[in-house]
Amino acid sequence: MLENAIIMHNGYGIKDPQEYEPVPVEDECGVEVFYGDEILVSPNGSVVLKENAVEYLTNVLGYTIRKAGE
């Protein structure tokens, strides 16, 4: 079968928006991450949303929140 490089996967010369839609992924706290969200990526590849960083540090890694000097 011959393939034409101009023809897209959907058989037409136009892009199908659903064909390139990113699949949602969950961060370490179980919240969906979408295109454009600010994320923190650990060296081992774990992903945490920026707004979930404190929750991740306290609940998953076991950090405690205290006031300095107390």
PDB file of N, CA and C in Angstrom:
ATOM      1  N   MET A   1       0.849  -1.177   0.000  1.00  0.00           N
ATOM      2  CA  MET A   1       0.000   0.000   0.000  1.00  0.00           C
ATOM      3  C   MET A   1       0.894   1.239   0.000  1.00  0.00           C
ATOM      4  N   LEU A   2       0.591   2.175  -0.848  1.00  0.00           N
ATOM      5  CA  LEU A   2       1.342   3.416  -0.910  1.00  0.00           C
ATOM      6  C   LEU A   2       0.777   4.403   0.096  1.00  0.00           C
ATOM      7  N   GLU A   3       1.661   5.127   0.769  1.00  0.00           N
ATOM      8  CA  GLU A   3       1.212   6.130   1.729  1.00  0.00           C
ATOM      9  C   GLU A   3       1.595   7.513   1.229  1.00  0.00           C
ATOM     10  N   ASN A   4       0.673   8.428   1.354  1.00  0.00           N
ATOM     11  CA  ASN A   4       0.902   9.806   0.953  1.00  0.00           C
ATOM     12  C   ASN A   4       1.204  10.610   2.206  1.00  0.00           C
ATOM     13  N   ALA A   5       2.341  11.295   2.224  1.00  0.00           N
ATOM     14  CA  ALA A   5       2.761  12.041   3.415  1.00  0.00           C
ATOM     15  C   ALA A   5       1.853  13.236   3.701  1.00  0.00           C
ATOM     16  N   ILE A   6       1.113  13.704   2.704  1.00  0.00           N
ATOM     17  CA  ILE A   6       0.230  14.855   2.891  1.00  0.00           C
ATOM     18  C   ILE A   6      -1.055  14.451   3.619  1.00  0.00           C
ATOM     19  N   ILE A   7      -1.481  13.239   3.456  1.00  0.00           N
ATOM     20  CA  ILE A   7      -2.724  12.773   4.080  1.00  0.00           C
ATOM     21  C   ILE A   7      -2.472  12.490   5.554  1.00  0.00           C
ATOM     22  N   MET A   8      -3.360  13.001   6.412  1.00  0.00           N
ATOM     23  CA  MET A   8      -3.239  12.795   7.853  1.00  0.00           C
ATOM     24  C   MET A   8      -3.802  11.427   8.234  1.00  0.00           C
ATOM     25  N   HIS A   9      -3.681  11.070   9.519  1.00  0.00           N
ATOM     26  CA  HIS A   9      -4.171   9.783  10.005  1.00  0.00           C
ATOM     27  C   HIS A   9      -5.674   9.626   9.806  1.00  0.00           C
ATOM     28  N   ASN A  10      -6.416  10.727   9.847  1.00  0.00           N
ATOM     29  CA  ASN A  10      -7.860  10.634   9.710  1.00  0.00           C
ATOM     30  C   ASN A  10      -8.288  10.553   8.243  1.00  0.00           C
ATOM     31  N   GLY A  11      -7.345  10.571   7.323  1.00  0.00           N
ATOM     32  CA  GLY A  11      -7.661  10.416   5.915  1.00  0.00           C
ATOM     33  C   GLY A  11      -7.849  11.722   5.177  1.00  0.00           C
ATOM     34  N   TYR A  12      -7.768  12.834   5.857  1.00  0.00           N
ATOM     35  CA  TYR A  12      -7.963  14.132   5.237  1.00  0.00           C
ATOM     36  C   TYR A  12      -6.717  14.987   5.455  1.00  0.00           C
ATOM     37  N   GLY A  13      -6.623  16.091   4.766  1.00  0.00           N
ATOM     38  CA  GLY A  13      -5.471  16.960   4.891  1.00  0.00           C
ATOM     39  C   GLY A  13      -5.572  17.943   6.042  1.00  0.00           C
ATOM     40  N   ILE A  14      -6.540  17.757   6.940  1.00  0.00           N
ATOM     41  CA  ILE A  14      -6.695  18.649   8.090  1.00  0.00           C
ATOM     42  C   ILE A  14      -6.476  17.858   9.369  1.00  0.00           C
ATOM     43  N   LYS A  15      -6.049  18.565  10.407  1.00  0.00           N
ATOM     44  CA  LYS A  15      -5.809  17.901  11.686  1.00  0.00           C
ATOM     45  C   LYS A  15      -7.122  17.654  12.416  1.00  0.00           C
ATOM     46  N   ASP A  16      -7.227  16.519  13.049  1.00  0.00           N
ATOM     47  CA  ASP A  16      -8.367  16.207  13.901  1.00  0.00           C
ATOM     48  C   ASP A  16      -7.980  16.617  15.316  1.00  0.00           C
ATOM     49  N   PRO A  17      -8.682  17.583  15.944  1.00  0.00           N
ATOM     50  CA  PRO A  17      -8.273  18.053  17.268  1.00  0.00           C
ATOM     51  C   PRO A  17      -8.282  16.960  18.330  1.00  0.00           C
ATOM     52  N   GLN A  18      -9.159  15.984  18.202  1.00  0.00           N
ATOM     53  CA  GLN A  18      -9.202  14.903  19.187  1.00  0.00           C
ATOM     54  C   GLN A  18      -8.020  13.961  19.045  1.00  0.00           C
ATOM     55  N   GLU A  19      -7.416  13.929  17.867  1.00  0.00           N
ATOM     56  CA  GLU A  19      -6.286  13.043  17.618  1.00  0.00           C
ATOM     57  C   GLU A  19      -5.062  13.453  18.430  1.00  0.00           C
ATOM     58  N   TYR A  20      -4.915  14.746  18.721  1.00  0.00           N
ATOM     59  CA  TYR A  20      -3.742  15.245  19.413  1.00  0.00           C
ATOM     60  C   TYR A  20      -4.039  15.725  20.828  1.00  0.00           C
ATOM     61  N   GLU A  21      -5.234  15.426  21.340  1.00  0.00           N
ATOM     62  CA  GLU A  21      -5.616  15.863  22.677  1.00  0.00           C
ATOM     63  C   GLU A  21      -4.829  15.075  23.721  1.00  0.00           C
ATOM     64  N   PRO A  22      -4.168  15.772  24.651  1.00  0.00           N
ATOM     65  CA  PRO A  22      -3.377  15.049  25.654  1.00  0.00           C
ATOM     66  C   PRO A  22      -4.260  14.263  26.613  1.00  0.00           C
ATOM     67  N   VAL A  23      -3.763  13.130  27.035  1.00  0.00           N
ATOM     68  CA  VAL A  23      -4.491  12.294  27.981  1.00  0.00           C
ATOM     69  C   VAL A  23      -4.164  12.779  29.392  1.00  0.00           C
ATOM     70  N   PRO A  24      -5.190  13.012  30.226  1.00  0.00           N
ATOM     71  CA  PRO A  24      -4.908  13.469  31.592  1.00  0.00           C
ATOM     72  C   PRO A  24      -4.081  12.447  32.366  1.00  0.00           C
ATOM     73  N   VAL A  25      -3.165  12.951  33.189  1.00  0.00           N
ATOM     74  CA  VAL A  25      -2.324  12.120  34.037  1.00  0.00           C
ATOM     75  C   VAL A  25      -2.534  12.585  35.469  1.00  0.00           C
ATOM     76  N   GLU A  26      -2.406  11.692  36.417  1.00  0.00           N
ATOM     77  CA  GLU A  26      -2.553  12.066  37.825  1.00  0.00           C
ATOM     78  C   GLU A  26      -1.191  12.311  38.450  1.00  0.00           C
ATOM     79  N   ASP A  27      -1.151  13.275  39.379  1.00  0.00           N
ATOM     80  CA  ASP A  27       0.079  13.506  40.123  1.00  0.00           C
ATOM     81  C   ASP A  27       0.112  12.565  41.324  1.00  0.00           C
ATOM     82  N   GLU A  28       1.114  12.695  42.159  1.00  0.00           N
ATOM     83  CA  GLU A  28       1.293  11.801  43.308  1.00  0.00           C
ATOM     84  C   GLU A  28       0.171  11.933  44.346  1.00  0.00           C
ATOM     85  N   CYS A  29      -0.576  13.039  44.311  1.00  0.00           N
ATOM     86  CA  CYS A  29      -1.694  13.241  45.242  1.00  0.00           C
ATOM     87  C   CYS A  29      -3.013  12.776  44.650  1.00  0.00           C
ATOM     88  N   GLY A  30      -3.010  12.274  43.421  1.00  0.00           N
ATOM     89  CA  GLY A  30      -4.221  11.767  42.790  1.00  0.00           C
ATOM     90  C   GLY A  30      -5.025  12.806  42.037  1.00  0.00           C
ATOM     91  N   VAL A  31      -4.459  13.980  41.799  1.00  0.00           N
ATOM     92  CA  VAL A  31      -5.147  15.058  41.084  1.00  0.00           C
ATOM     93  C   VAL A  31      -4.722  15.024  39.623  1.00  0.00           C
ATOM     94  N   GLU A  32      -5.689  15.221  38.702  1.00  0.00           N
ATOM     95  CA  GLU A  32      -5.377  15.197  37.283  1.00  0.00           C
ATOM     96  C   GLU A  32      -4.497  16.379  36.881  1.00  0.00           C
ATOM     97  N   VAL A  33      -3.522  16.109  36.018  1.00  0.00           N
ATOM     98  CA  VAL A  33      -2.617  17.124  35.502  1.00  0.00           C
ATOM     99  C   VAL A  33      -2.966  17.336  34.037  1.00  0.00           C
ATOM    100  N   PHE A  34      -3.168  18.603  33.653  1.00  0.00           N
ATOM    101  CA  PHE A  34      -3.522  18.931  32.283  1.00  0.00           C
ATOM    102  C   PHE A  34      -2.435  19.799  31.655  1.00  0.00           C
ATOM    103  N   TYR A  35      -2.489  19.919  30.346  1.00  0.00           N
ATOM    104  CA  TYR A  35      -1.541  20.732  29.593  1.00  0.00           C
ATOM    105  C   TYR A  35      -1.555  22.155  30.138  1.00  0.00           C
ATOM    106  N   GLY A  36      -0.383  22.709  30.439  1.00  0.00           N
ATOM    107  CA  GLY A  36      -0.268  24.073  30.924  1.00  0.00           C
ATOM    108  C   GLY A  36      -0.186  24.195  32.432  1.00  0.00           C
ATOM    109  N   ASP A  37      -0.472  23.112  33.187  1.00  0.00           N
ATOM    110  CA  ASP A  37      -0.356  23.169  34.648  1.00  0.00           C
ATOM    111  C   ASP A  37       1.107  23.240  35.054  1.00  0.00           C
ATOM    112  N   GLU A  38       1.392  23.965  36.142  1.00  0.00           N
ATOM    113  CA  GLU A  38       2.756  24.014  36.664  1.00  0.00           C
ATOM    114  C   GLU A  38       2.983  22.785  37.525  1.00  0.00           C
ATOM    115  N   ILE A  39       4.035  22.034  37.218  1.00  0.00           N
ATOM    116  CA  ILE A  39       4.306  20.785  37.923  1.00  0.00           C
ATOM    117  C   ILE A  39       5.730  20.771  38.457  1.00  0.00           C
ATOM    118  N   LEU A  40       5.937  19.935  39.456  1.00  0.00           N
ATOM    119  CA  LEU A  40       7.271  19.654  39.982  1.00  0.00           C
ATOM    120  C   LEU A  40       7.580  18.213  39.618  1.00  0.00           C
ATOM    121  N   VAL A  41       8.762  17.982  39.059  1.00  0.00           N
ATOM    122  CA  VAL A  41       9.154  16.642  38.640  1.00  0.00           C
ATOM    123  C   VAL A  41      10.377  16.228  39.446  1.00  0.00           C
ATOM    124  N   SER A  42      10.282  15.082  40.115  1.00  0.00           N
ATOM    125  CA  SER A  42      11.401  14.588  40.914  1.00  0.00           C
ATOM    126  C   SER A  42      12.410  13.879  40.009  1.00  0.00           C
ATOM    127  N   PRO A  43      13.620  13.628  40.494  1.00  0.00           N
ATOM    128  CA  PRO A  43      14.617  12.929  39.676  1.00  0.00           C
ATOM    129  C   PRO A  43      14.166  11.533  39.229  1.00  0.00           C
ATOM    130  N   ASN A  44      13.285  10.891  40.016  1.00  0.00           N
ATOM    131  CA  ASN A  44      12.831   9.552  39.617  1.00  0.00           C
ATOM    132  C   ASN A  44      11.608   9.600  38.703  1.00  0.00           C
ATOM    133  N   GLY A  45      11.122  10.824  38.356  1.00  0.00           N
ATOM    134  CA  GLY A  45      10.026  10.963  37.406  1.00  0.00           C
ATOM    135  C   GLY A  45       8.659  11.193  38.024  1.00  0.00           C
ATOM    136  N   SER A  46       8.559  11.250  39.342  1.00  0.00           N
ATOM    137  CA  SER A  46       7.280  11.518  39.990  1.00  0.00           C
ATOM    138  C   SER A  46       6.853  12.949  39.690  1.00  0.00           C
ATOM    139  N   VAL A  47       5.544  13.141  39.512  1.00  0.00           N
ATOM    140  CA  VAL A  47       5.012  14.454  39.169  1.00  0.00           C
ATOM    141  C   VAL A  47       4.061  14.914  40.263  1.00  0.00           C
ATOM    142  N   VAL A  48       4.200  16.189  40.686  1.00  0.00           N
ATOM    143  CA  VAL A  48       3.323  16.795  41.681  1.00  0.00           C
ATOM    144  C   VAL A  48       2.941  18.182  41.168  1.00  0.00           C
ATOM    145  N   LEU A  49       1.641  18.497  41.217  1.00  0.00           N
ATOM    146  CA  LEU A  49       1.217  19.845  40.871  1.00  0.00           C
ATOM    147  C   LEU A  49       1.818  20.837  41.851  1.00  0.00           C
ATOM    148  N   LYS A  50       2.137  22.025  41.377  1.00  0.00           N
ATOM    149  CA  LYS A  50       2.770  23.031  42.226  1.00  0.00           C
ATOM    150  C   LYS A  50       1.896  23.362  43.435  1.00  0.00           C
ATOM    151  N   GLU A  51       0.569  23.454  43.245  1.00  0.00           N
ATOM    152  CA  GLU A  51      -0.312  23.787  44.362  1.00  0.00           C
ATOM    153  C   GLU A  51      -0.488  22.629  45.342  1.00  0.00           C
ATOM    154  N   ASN A  52      -0.040  21.421  44.987  1.00  0.00           N
ATOM    155  CA  ASN A  52      -0.119  20.267  45.884  1.00  0.00           C
ATOM    156  C   ASN A  52       1.205  19.953  46.557  1.00  0.00           C
ATOM    157  N   ALA A  53       2.202  20.823  46.412  1.00  0.00           N
ATOM    158  CA  ALA A  53       3.538  20.536  46.941  1.00  0.00           C
ATOM    159  C   ALA A  53       3.535  20.378  48.454  1.00  0.00           C
ATOM    160  N   VAL A  54       2.847  21.262  49.172  1.00  0.00           N
ATOM    161  CA  VAL A  54       2.828  21.174  50.635  1.00  0.00           C
ATOM    162  C   VAL A  54       2.086  19.911  51.076  1.00  0.00           C
ATOM    163  N   GLU A  55       0.974  19.612  50.421  1.00  0.00           N
ATOM    164  CA  GLU A  55       0.221  18.397  50.749  1.00  0.00           C
ATOM    165  C   GLU A  55       1.082  17.153  50.519  1.00  0.00           C
ATOM    166  N   TYR A  56       1.832  17.129  49.428  1.00  0.00           N
ATOM    167  CA  TYR A  56       2.707  16.001  49.120  1.00  0.00           C
ATOM    168  C   TYR A  56       3.805  15.852  50.174  1.00  0.00           C
ATOM    169  N   LEU A  57       4.415  16.979  50.551  1.00  0.00           N
ATOM    170  CA  LEU A  57       5.485  16.925  51.553  1.00  0.00           C
ATOM    171  C   LEU A  57       4.973  16.428  52.900  1.00  0.00           C
ATOM    172  N   THR A  58       3.784  16.849  53.304  1.00  0.00           N
ATOM    173  CA  THR A  58       3.264  16.455  54.620  1.00  0.00           C
ATOM    174  C   THR A  58       2.654  15.064  54.614  1.00  0.00           C
ATOM    175  N   ASN A  59       1.825  14.761  53.646  1.00  0.00           N
ATOM    176  CA  ASN A  59       1.103  13.476  53.651  1.00  0.00           C
ATOM    177  C   ASN A  59       1.928  12.299  53.136  1.00  0.00           C
ATOM    178  N   VAL A  60       2.694  12.513  52.105  1.00  0.00           N
ATOM    179  CA  VAL A  60       3.419  11.400  51.476  1.00  0.00           C
ATOM    180  C   VAL A  60       4.826  11.246  52.052  1.00  0.00           C
ATOM    181  N   LEU A  61       5.560  12.346  52.183  1.00  0.00           N
ATOM    182  CA  LEU A  61       6.940  12.261  52.649  1.00  0.00           C
ATOM    183  C   LEU A  61       7.086  12.375  54.158  1.00  0.00           C
ATOM    184  N   GLY A  62       6.015  12.772  54.863  1.00  0.00           N
ATOM    185  CA  GLY A  62       6.040  12.786  56.314  1.00  0.00           C
ATOM    186  C   GLY A  62       6.590  14.046  56.964  1.00  0.00           C
ATOM    187  N   TYR A  63       6.732  15.125  56.218  1.00  0.00           N
ATOM    188  CA  TYR A  63       7.171  16.388  56.809  1.00  0.00           C
ATOM    189  C   TYR A  63       6.085  16.912  57.746  1.00  0.00           C
ATOM    190  N   THR A  64       6.477  17.691  58.758  1.00  0.00           N
ATOM    191  CA  THR A  64       5.515  18.326  59.644  1.00  0.00           C
ATOM    192  C   THR A  64       5.638  19.835  59.508  1.00  0.00           C
ATOM    193  N   ILE A  65       4.528  20.532  59.674  1.00  0.00           N
ATOM    194  CA  ILE A  65       4.515  21.988  59.573  1.00  0.00           C
ATOM    195  C   ILE A  65       4.610  22.550  60.974  1.00  0.00           C
ATOM    196  N   ARG A  66       5.602  23.390  61.222  1.00  0.00           N
ATOM    197  CA  ARG A  66       5.811  24.033  62.523  1.00  0.00           C
ATOM    198  C   ARG A  66       6.209  25.467  62.292  1.00  0.00           C
ATOM    199  N   LYS A  67       6.137  26.280  63.341  1.00  0.00           N
ATOM    200  CA  LYS A  67       6.610  27.657  63.285  1.00  0.00           C
ATOM    201  C   LYS A  67       8.031  27.700  63.854  1.00  0.00           C
ATOM    202  N   ALA A  68       8.869  28.467  63.215  1.00  0.00           N
ATOM    203  CA  ALA A  68      10.253  28.580  63.664  1.00  0.00           C
ATOM    204  C   ALA A  68      10.306  29.181  65.071  1.00  0.00           C
ATOM    205  N   GLY A  69      11.130  28.613  65.920  1.00  0.00           N
ATOM    206  CA  GLY A  69      11.302  29.096  67.280  1.00  0.00           C
ATOM    207  C   GLY A  69      10.368  28.447  68.285  1.00  0.00           C
ATOM    208  N   GLU A  70       9.474  27.589  67.844  1.00  0.00           N
ATOM    209  CA  GLU A  70       8.563  26.918  68.783  1.00  0.00           C
ATOM    210  C   GLU A  70       8.956  25.473  68.987  1.00  0.00           C
TER     211      GLU A  70
END
